[in-house]
Amino acid sequence: MSSIIGTLIVGLIAGFVADKIVKNTFGLWGDLLIGVAGAFLGYWIFGLLGISVGSFIGEIIAAIVGAVILLLVINQFKKK
């Protein structure tokens, strides 16, 4: 993760893509916030697994994975 600004930008992209994958209904701003949180989650998960996210594409993939996981968990609690 090169910087906080970079993480925010990657998170915004990840939130948009994760919304299209999970087909959620949190709206644009909710999806963008989830994308940013998912970026941090994805970096953490990839770090635990020993997977390097050295490139911009790697960061986006990690962020999308984190955002999708986060959206799936939120959906499970939302259904109850």
PDB file of N, CA and C in Angstrom:
ATOM      1  N   MET A   1       0.858  -1.163   0.000  1.00  0.00           N
ATOM      2  CA  MET A   1       0.000   0.000   0.000  1.00  0.00           C
ATOM      3  C   MET A   1       0.904   1.225   0.000  1.00  0.00           C
ATOM      4  N   SER A   2       0.855   1.984  -1.059  1.00  0.00           N
ATOM      5  CA  SER A   2       1.789   3.084  -1.221  1.00  0.00           C
ATOM      6  C   SER A   2       1.387   4.310  -0.410  1.00  0.00           C
ATOM      7  N   SER A   3       0.112   4.606  -0.313  1.00  0.00           N
ATOM      8  CA  SER A   3      -0.321   5.767   0.450  1.00  0.00           C
ATOM      9  C   SER A   3      -1.801   5.643   0.783  1.00  0.00           C
ATOM     10  N   ILE A   4      -2.207   6.488   1.703  1.00  0.00           N
ATOM     11  CA  ILE A   4      -3.620   6.498   2.068  1.00  0.00           C
ATOM     12  C   ILE A   4      -4.471   6.974   0.881  1.00  0.00           C
ATOM     13  N   ILE A   5      -4.009   7.972   0.151  1.00  0.00           N
ATOM     14  CA  ILE A   5      -4.748   8.475  -1.012  1.00  0.00           C
ATOM     15  C   ILE A   5      -4.891   7.376  -2.060  1.00  0.00           C
ATOM     16  N   GLY A   6      -3.812   6.642  -2.289  1.00  0.00           N
ATOM     17  CA  GLY A   6      -3.857   5.534  -3.242  1.00  0.00           C
ATOM     18  C   GLY A   6      -4.842   4.465  -2.802  1.00  0.00           C
ATOM     19  N   THR A   7      -4.859   4.174  -1.498  1.00  0.00           N
ATOM     20  CA  THR A   7      -5.789   3.185  -0.970  1.00  0.00           C
ATOM     21  C   THR A   7      -7.224   3.655  -1.146  1.00  0.00           C
ATOM     22  N   LEU A   8      -7.467   4.933  -0.945  1.00  0.00           N
ATOM     23  CA  LEU A   8      -8.816   5.460  -1.139  1.00  0.00           C
ATOM     24  C   LEU A   8      -9.260   5.340  -2.592  1.00  0.00           C
ATOM     25  N   ILE A   9      -8.379   5.644  -3.504  1.00  0.00           N
ATOM     26  CA  ILE A   9      -8.711   5.548  -4.925  1.00  0.00           C
ATOM     27  C   ILE A   9      -8.979   4.091  -5.311  1.00  0.00           C
ATOM     28  N   VAL A  10      -8.102   3.195  -4.859  1.00  0.00           N
ATOM     29  CA  VAL A  10      -8.300   1.768  -5.146  1.00  0.00           C
ATOM     30  C   VAL A  10      -9.593   1.284  -4.498  1.00  0.00           C
ATOM     31  N   GLY A  11      -9.871   1.741  -3.287  1.00  0.00           N
ATOM     32  CA  GLY A  11     -11.096   1.354  -2.594  1.00  0.00           C
ATOM     33  C   GLY A  11     -12.345   1.821  -3.313  1.00  0.00           C
ATOM     34  N   LEU A  12     -12.289   3.002  -3.880  1.00  0.00           N
ATOM     35  CA  LEU A  12     -13.441   3.503  -4.629  1.00  0.00           C
ATOM     36  C   LEU A  12     -13.716   2.640  -5.852  1.00  0.00           C
ATOM     37  N   ILE A  13     -12.657   2.260  -6.534  1.00  0.00           N
ATOM     38  CA  ILE A  13     -12.803   1.369  -7.697  1.00  0.00           C
ATOM     39  C   ILE A  13     -13.335   0.012  -7.244  1.00  0.00           C
ATOM     40  N   ALA A  14     -12.769  -0.503  -6.153  1.00  0.00           N
ATOM     41  CA  ALA A  14     -13.180  -1.817  -5.646  1.00  0.00           C
ATOM     42  C   ALA A  14     -14.637  -1.818  -5.211  1.00  0.00           C
ATOM     43  N   GLY A  15     -15.091  -0.748  -4.568  1.00  0.00           N
ATOM     44  CA  GLY A  15     -16.485  -0.663  -4.146  1.00  0.00           C
ATOM     45  C   GLY A  15     -17.439  -0.713  -5.310  1.00  0.00           C
ATOM     46  N   PHE A  16     -17.088  -0.018  -6.379  1.00  0.00           N
ATOM     47  CA  PHE A  16     -17.925  -0.019  -7.576  1.00  0.00           C
ATOM     48  C   PHE A  16     -17.994  -1.414  -8.187  1.00  0.00           C
ATOM     49  N   VAL A  17     -16.831  -2.064  -8.329  1.00  0.00           N
ATOM     50  CA  VAL A  17     -16.786  -3.400  -8.937  1.00  0.00           C
ATOM     51  C   VAL A  17     -17.482  -4.429  -8.040  1.00  0.00           C
ATOM     52  N   ALA A  18     -17.239  -4.342  -6.724  1.00  0.00           N
ATOM     53  CA  ALA A  18     -17.867  -5.290  -5.799  1.00  0.00           C
ATOM     54  C   ALA A  18     -19.382  -5.149  -5.829  1.00  0.00           C
ATOM     55  N   ASP A  19     -19.875  -3.940  -5.969  1.00  0.00           N
ATOM     56  CA  ASP A  19     -21.313  -3.724  -6.074  1.00  0.00           C
ATOM     57  C   ASP A  19     -21.882  -4.449  -7.291  1.00  0.00           C
ATOM     58  N   LYS A  20     -21.158  -4.414  -8.389  1.00  0.00           N
ATOM     59  CA  LYS A  20     -21.621  -5.085  -9.609  1.00  0.00           C
ATOM     60  C   LYS A  20     -21.565  -6.605  -9.456  1.00  0.00           C
ATOM     61  N   ILE A  21     -20.594  -7.114  -8.689  1.00  0.00           N
ATOM     62  CA  ILE A  21     -20.467  -8.559  -8.487  1.00  0.00           C
ATOM     63  C   ILE A  21     -21.555  -9.077  -7.550  1.00  0.00           C
ATOM     64  N   VAL A  22     -21.737  -8.395  -6.414  1.00  0.00           N
ATOM     65  CA  VAL A  22     -22.666  -8.865  -5.382  1.00  0.00           C
ATOM     66  C   VAL A  22     -24.091  -8.384  -5.654  1.00  0.00           C
ATOM     67  N   LYS A  23     -24.241  -7.350  -6.460  1.00  0.00           N
ATOM     68  CA  LYS A  23     -25.541  -6.755  -6.772  1.00  0.00           C
ATOM     69  C   LYS A  23     -26.243  -6.307  -5.490  1.00  0.00           C
ATOM     70  N   ASN A  24     -25.606  -5.380  -4.814  1.00  0.00           N
ATOM     71  CA  ASN A  24     -26.093  -4.874  -3.543  1.00  0.00           C
ATOM     72  C   ASN A  24     -26.898  -3.605  -3.755  1.00  0.00           C
ATOM     73  N   THR A  25     -27.528  -3.121  -2.709  1.00  0.00           N
ATOM     74  CA  THR A  25     -28.383  -1.945  -2.821  1.00  0.00           C
ATOM     75  C   THR A  25     -28.014  -0.863  -1.809  1.00  0.00           C
ATOM     76  N   PHE A  26     -26.748  -0.661  -1.562  1.00  0.00           N
ATOM     77  CA  PHE A  26     -26.325   0.362  -0.606  1.00  0.00           C
ATOM     78  C   PHE A  26     -26.184   1.731  -1.243  1.00  0.00           C
ATOM     79  N   GLY A  27     -26.318   1.844  -2.520  1.00  0.00           N
ATOM     80  CA  GLY A  27     -26.160   3.122  -3.192  1.00  0.00           C
ATOM     81  C   GLY A  27     -24.697   3.435  -3.434  1.00  0.00           C
ATOM     82  N   LEU A  28     -24.474   4.479  -4.167  1.00  0.00           N
ATOM     83  CA  LEU A  28     -23.114   4.830  -4.586  1.00  0.00           C
ATOM     84  C   LEU A  28     -22.201   5.107  -3.400  1.00  0.00           C
ATOM     85  N   TRP A  29     -22.617   5.976  -2.496  1.00  0.00           N
ATOM     86  CA  TRP A  29     -21.740   6.349  -1.380  1.00  0.00           C
ATOM     87  C   TRP A  29     -21.493   5.179  -0.438  1.00  0.00           C
ATOM     88  N   GLY A  30     -22.514   4.371  -0.181  1.00  0.00           N
ATOM     89  CA  GLY A  30     -22.334   3.198   0.670  1.00  0.00           C
ATOM     90  C   GLY A  30     -21.363   2.207   0.057  1.00  0.00           C
ATOM     91  N   ASP A  31     -21.498   1.985  -1.234  1.00  0.00           N
ATOM     92  CA  ASP A  31     -20.596   1.063  -1.924  1.00  0.00           C
ATOM     93  C   ASP A  31     -19.162   1.588  -1.930  1.00  0.00           C
ATOM     94  N   LEU A  32     -18.998   2.885  -2.071  1.00  0.00           N
ATOM     95  CA  LEU A  32     -17.658   3.457  -2.067  1.00  0.00           C
ATOM     96  C   LEU A  32     -17.010   3.325  -0.687  1.00  0.00           C
ATOM     97  N   LEU A  33     -17.782   3.551   0.370  1.00  0.00           N
ATOM     98  CA  LEU A  33     -17.241   3.376   1.724  1.00  0.00           C
ATOM     99  C   LEU A  33     -16.887   1.915   1.995  1.00  0.00           C
ATOM    100  N   ILE A  34     -17.745   1.022   1.538  1.00  0.00           N
ATOM    101  CA  ILE A  34     -17.464  -0.402   1.700  1.00  0.00           C
ATOM    102  C   ILE A  34     -16.232  -0.789   0.892  1.00  0.00           C
ATOM    103  N   GLY A  35     -16.056  -0.184  -0.261  1.00  0.00           N
ATOM    104  CA  GLY A  35     -14.873  -0.452  -1.076  1.00  0.00           C
ATOM    105  C   GLY A  35     -13.595  -0.036  -0.379  1.00  0.00           C
ATOM    106  N   VAL A  36     -13.608   1.115   0.281  1.00  0.00           N
ATOM    107  CA  VAL A  36     -12.428   1.576   1.000  1.00  0.00           C
ATOM    108  C   VAL A  36     -12.134   0.641   2.178  1.00  0.00           C
ATOM    109  N   ALA A  37     -13.170   0.285   2.950  1.00  0.00           N
ATOM    110  CA  ALA A  37     -12.973  -0.659   4.053  1.00  0.00           C
ATOM    111  C   ALA A  37     -12.535  -2.022   3.517  1.00  0.00           C
ATOM    112  N   GLY A  38     -13.110  -2.425   2.396  1.00  0.00           N
ATOM    113  CA  GLY A  38     -12.734  -3.695   1.774  1.00  0.00           C
ATOM    114  C   GLY A  38     -11.304  -3.694   1.282  1.00  0.00           C
ATOM    115  N   ALA A  39     -10.807  -2.534   0.871  1.00  0.00           N
ATOM    116  CA  ALA A  39      -9.407  -2.440   0.437  1.00  0.00           C
ATOM    117  C   ALA A  39      -8.485  -2.768   1.606  1.00  0.00           C
ATOM    118  N   PHE A  40      -8.750  -2.185   2.757  1.00  0.00           N
ATOM    119  CA  PHE A  40      -7.933  -2.492   3.936  1.00  0.00           C
ATOM    120  C   PHE A  40      -8.072  -3.958   4.330  1.00  0.00           C
ATOM    121  N   LEU A  41      -9.305  -4.483   4.266  1.00  0.00           N
ATOM    122  CA  LEU A  41      -9.533  -5.895   4.585  1.00  0.00           C
ATOM    123  C   LEU A  41      -8.803  -6.804   3.598  1.00  0.00           C
ATOM    124  N   GLY A  42      -8.873  -6.484   2.321  1.00  0.00           N
ATOM    125  CA  GLY A  42      -8.209  -7.293   1.296  1.00  0.00           C
ATOM    126  C   GLY A  42      -6.699  -7.290   1.453  1.00  0.00           C
ATOM    127  N   TYR A  43      -6.117  -6.114   1.743  1.00  0.00           N
ATOM    128  CA  TYR A  43      -4.667  -6.037   1.969  1.00  0.00           C
ATOM    129  C   TYR A  43      -4.277  -6.898   3.162  1.00  0.00           C
ATOM    130  N   TRP A  44      -5.091  -6.841   4.211  1.00  0.00           N
ATOM    131  CA  TRP A  44      -4.797  -7.605   5.428  1.00  0.00           C
ATOM    132  C   TRP A  44      -4.886  -9.108   5.152  1.00  0.00           C
ATOM    133  N   ILE A  45      -5.937  -9.543   4.457  1.00  0.00           N
ATOM    134  CA  ILE A  45      -6.110 -10.968   4.148  1.00  0.00           C
ATOM    135  C   ILE A  45      -4.977 -11.459   3.253  1.00  0.00           C
ATOM    136  N   PHE A  46      -4.651 -10.706   2.212  1.00  0.00           N
ATOM    137  CA  PHE A  46      -3.571 -11.114   1.323  1.00  0.00           C
ATOM    138  C   PHE A  46      -2.245 -11.169   2.075  1.00  0.00           C
ATOM    139  N   GLY A  47      -2.031 -10.242   3.003  1.00  0.00           N
ATOM    140  CA  GLY A  47      -0.815 -10.264   3.819  1.00  0.00           C
ATOM    141  C   GLY A  47      -0.739 -11.507   4.695  1.00  0.00           C
ATOM    142  N   LEU A  48      -1.872 -11.897   5.279  1.00  0.00           N
ATOM    143  CA  LEU A  48      -1.909 -13.112   6.095  1.00  0.00           C
ATOM    144  C   LEU A  48      -1.592 -14.361   5.267  1.00  0.00           C
ATOM    145  N   LEU A  49      -2.041 -14.345   4.031  1.00  0.00           N
ATOM    146  CA  LEU A  49      -1.815 -15.491   3.148  1.00  0.00           C
ATOM    147  C   LEU A  49      -0.444 -15.454   2.484  1.00  0.00           C
ATOM    148  N   GLY A  50       0.298 -14.381   2.699  1.00  0.00           N
ATOM    149  CA  GLY A  50       1.631 -14.265   2.116  1.00  0.00           C
ATOM    150  C   GLY A  50       1.620 -13.893   0.647  1.00  0.00           C
ATOM    151  N   ILE A  51       0.521 -13.302   0.187  1.00  0.00           N
ATOM    152  CA  ILE A  51       0.401 -12.903  -1.208  1.00  0.00           C
ATOM    153  C   ILE A  51       0.787 -11.435  -1.320  1.00  0.00           C
ATOM    154  N   SER A  52       1.725 -11.137  -2.187  1.00  0.00           N
ATOM    155  CA  SER A  52       2.187  -9.771  -2.377  1.00  0.00           C
ATOM    156  C   SER A  52       1.253  -9.020  -3.316  1.00  0.00           C
ATOM    157  N   VAL A  53       0.938  -7.787  -2.954  1.00  0.00           N
ATOM    158  CA  VAL A  53       0.103  -6.944  -3.808  1.00  0.00           C
ATOM    159  C   VAL A  53       0.921  -5.739  -4.263  1.00  0.00           C
ATOM    160  N   GLY A  54       2.078  -6.014  -4.818  1.00  0.00           N
ATOM    161  CA  GLY A  54       3.033  -4.978  -5.163  1.00  0.00           C
ATOM    162  C   GLY A  54       2.625  -4.050  -6.282  1.00  0.00           C
ATOM    163  N   SER A  55       1.814  -4.481  -7.194  1.00  0.00           N
ATOM    164  CA  SER A  55       1.457  -3.634  -8.334  1.00  0.00           C
ATOM    165  C   SER A  55       0.074  -3.012  -8.132  1.00  0.00           C
ATOM    166  N   PHE A  56      -0.243  -2.044  -8.957  1.00  0.00           N
ATOM    167  CA  PHE A  56      -1.550  -1.395  -8.893  1.00  0.00           C
ATOM    168  C   PHE A  56      -2.672  -2.398  -9.152  1.00  0.00           C
ATOM    169  N   ILE A  57      -2.471  -3.276 -10.116  1.00  0.00           N
ATOM    170  CA  ILE A  57      -3.475  -4.304 -10.426  1.00  0.00           C
ATOM    171  C   ILE A  57      -3.639  -5.251  -9.237  1.00  0.00           C
ATOM    172  N   GLY A  58      -2.538  -5.620  -8.606  1.00  0.00           N
ATOM    173  CA  GLY A  58      -2.605  -6.476  -7.420  1.00  0.00           C
ATOM    174  C   GLY A  58      -3.374  -5.819  -6.293  1.00  0.00           C
ATOM    175  N   GLU A  59      -3.159  -4.513  -6.112  1.00  0.00           N
ATOM    176  CA  GLU A  59      -3.889  -3.785  -5.080  1.00  0.00           C
ATOM    177  C   GLU A  59      -5.388  -3.762  -5.385  1.00  0.00           C
ATOM    178  N   ILE A  60      -5.741  -3.571  -6.648  1.00  0.00           N
ATOM    179  CA  ILE A  60      -7.162  -3.544  -7.017  1.00  0.00           C
ATOM    180  C   ILE A  60      -7.797  -4.914  -6.795  1.00  0.00           C
ATOM    181  N   ILE A  61      -7.085  -5.977  -7.154  1.00  0.00           N
ATOM    182  CA  ILE A  61      -7.623  -7.328  -6.957  1.00  0.00           C
ATOM    183  C   ILE A  61      -7.835  -7.600  -5.472  1.00  0.00           C
ATOM    184  N   ALA A  62      -6.850  -7.264  -4.645  1.00  0.00           N
ATOM    185  CA  ALA A  62      -6.975  -7.471  -3.198  1.00  0.00           C
ATOM    186  C   ALA A  62      -8.141  -6.658  -2.645  1.00  0.00           C
ATOM    187  N   ALA A  63      -8.288  -5.429  -3.116  1.00  0.00           N
ATOM    188  CA  ALA A  63      -9.371  -4.574  -2.643  1.00  0.00           C
ATOM    189  C   ALA A  63     -10.733  -5.110  -3.062  1.00  0.00           C
ATOM    190  N   ILE A  64     -10.844  -5.602  -4.285  1.00  0.00           N
ATOM    191  CA  ILE A  64     -12.112  -6.161  -4.751  1.00  0.00           C
ATOM    192  C   ILE A  64     -12.467  -7.399  -3.941  1.00  0.00           C
ATOM    193  N   VAL A  65     -11.490  -8.265  -3.702  1.00  0.00           N
ATOM    194  CA  VAL A  65     -11.738  -9.469  -2.890  1.00  0.00           C
ATOM    195  C   VAL A  65     -12.216  -9.058  -1.496  1.00  0.00           C
ATOM    196  N   GLY A  66     -11.532  -8.094  -0.881  1.00  0.00           N
ATOM    197  CA  GLY A  66     -11.938  -7.628   0.443  1.00  0.00           C
ATOM    198  C   GLY A  66     -13.322  -7.012   0.446  1.00  0.00           C
ATOM    199  N   ALA A  67     -13.641  -6.207  -0.560  1.00  0.00           N
ATOM    200  CA  ALA A  67     -14.947  -5.559  -0.627  1.00  0.00           C
ATOM    201  C   ALA A  67     -16.065  -6.580  -0.861  1.00  0.00           C
ATOM    202  N   VAL A  68     -15.817  -7.570  -1.693  1.00  0.00           N
ATOM    203  CA  VAL A  68     -16.828  -8.607  -1.927  1.00  0.00           C
ATOM    204  C   VAL A  68     -17.074  -9.392  -0.646  1.00  0.00           C
ATOM    205  N   ILE A  69     -16.010  -9.757   0.057  1.00  0.00           N
ATOM    206  CA  ILE A  69     -16.165 -10.477   1.328  1.00  0.00           C
ATOM    207  C   ILE A  69     -16.962  -9.634   2.311  1.00  0.00           C
ATOM    208  N   LEU A  70     -16.609  -8.363   2.409  1.00  0.00           N
ATOM    209  CA  LEU A  70     -17.306  -7.470   3.330  1.00  0.00           C
ATOM    210  C   LEU A  70     -18.781  -7.337   2.967  1.00  0.00           C
ATOM    211  N   LEU A  71     -19.097  -7.194   1.691  1.00  0.00           N
ATOM    212  CA  LEU A  71     -20.496  -7.097   1.263  1.00  0.00           C
ATOM    213  C   LEU A  71     -21.265  -8.380   1.550  1.00  0.00           C
ATOM    214  N   LEU A  72     -20.630  -9.523   1.343  1.00  0.00           N
ATOM    215  CA  LEU A  72     -21.305 -10.797   1.630  1.00  0.00           C
ATOM    216  C   LEU A  72     -21.597 -10.943   3.117  1.00  0.00           C
ATOM    217  N   VAL A  73     -20.650 -10.531   3.959  1.00  0.00           N
ATOM    218  CA  VAL A  73     -20.878 -10.589   5.418  1.00  0.00           C
ATOM    219  C   VAL A  73     -21.990  -9.632   5.817  1.00  0.00           C
ATOM    220  N   ILE A  74     -21.971  -8.422   5.277  1.00  0.00           N
ATOM    221  CA  ILE A  74     -23.020  -7.448   5.596  1.00  0.00           C
ATOM    222  C   ILE A  74     -24.383  -7.966   5.149  1.00  0.00           C
ATOM    223  N   ASN A  75     -24.434  -8.584   3.989  1.00  0.00           N
ATOM    224  CA  ASN A  75     -25.707  -9.127   3.495  1.00  0.00           C
ATOM    225  C   ASN A  75     -26.240 -10.212   4.409  1.00  0.00           C
ATOM    226  N   GLN A  76     -25.369 -11.017   4.997  1.00  0.00           N
ATOM    227  CA  GLN A  76     -25.821 -12.060   5.914  1.00  0.00           C
ATOM    228  C   GLN A  76     -26.479 -11.463   7.153  1.00  0.00           C
ATOM    229  N   PHE A  77     -25.929 -10.379   7.675  1.00  0.00           N
ATOM    230  CA  PHE A  77     -26.520  -9.735   8.834  1.00  0.00           C
ATOM    231  C   PHE A  77     -27.758  -8.926   8.460  1.00  0.00           C
ATOM    232  N   LYS A  78     -27.781  -8.413   7.260  1.00  0.00           N
ATOM    233  CA  LYS A  78     -28.907  -7.617   6.780  1.00  0.00           C
ATOM    234  C   LYS A  78     -30.153  -8.469   6.594  1.00  0.00           C
ATOM    235  N   LYS A  79     -29.985  -9.728   6.245  1.00  0.00           N
ATOM    236  CA  LYS A  79     -31.121 -10.615   5.995  1.00  0.00           C
ATOM    237  C   LYS A  79     -31.834 -11.017   7.284  1.00  0.00           C
ATOM    238  N   LYS A  80     -31.124 -10.956   8.413  1.00  0.00           N
ATOM    239  CA  LYS A  80     -31.720 -11.413   9.679  1.00  0.00           C
ATOM    240  C   LYS A  80     -32.615 -10.399  10.298  1.00  0.00           C
TER     241      LYS A  80
END
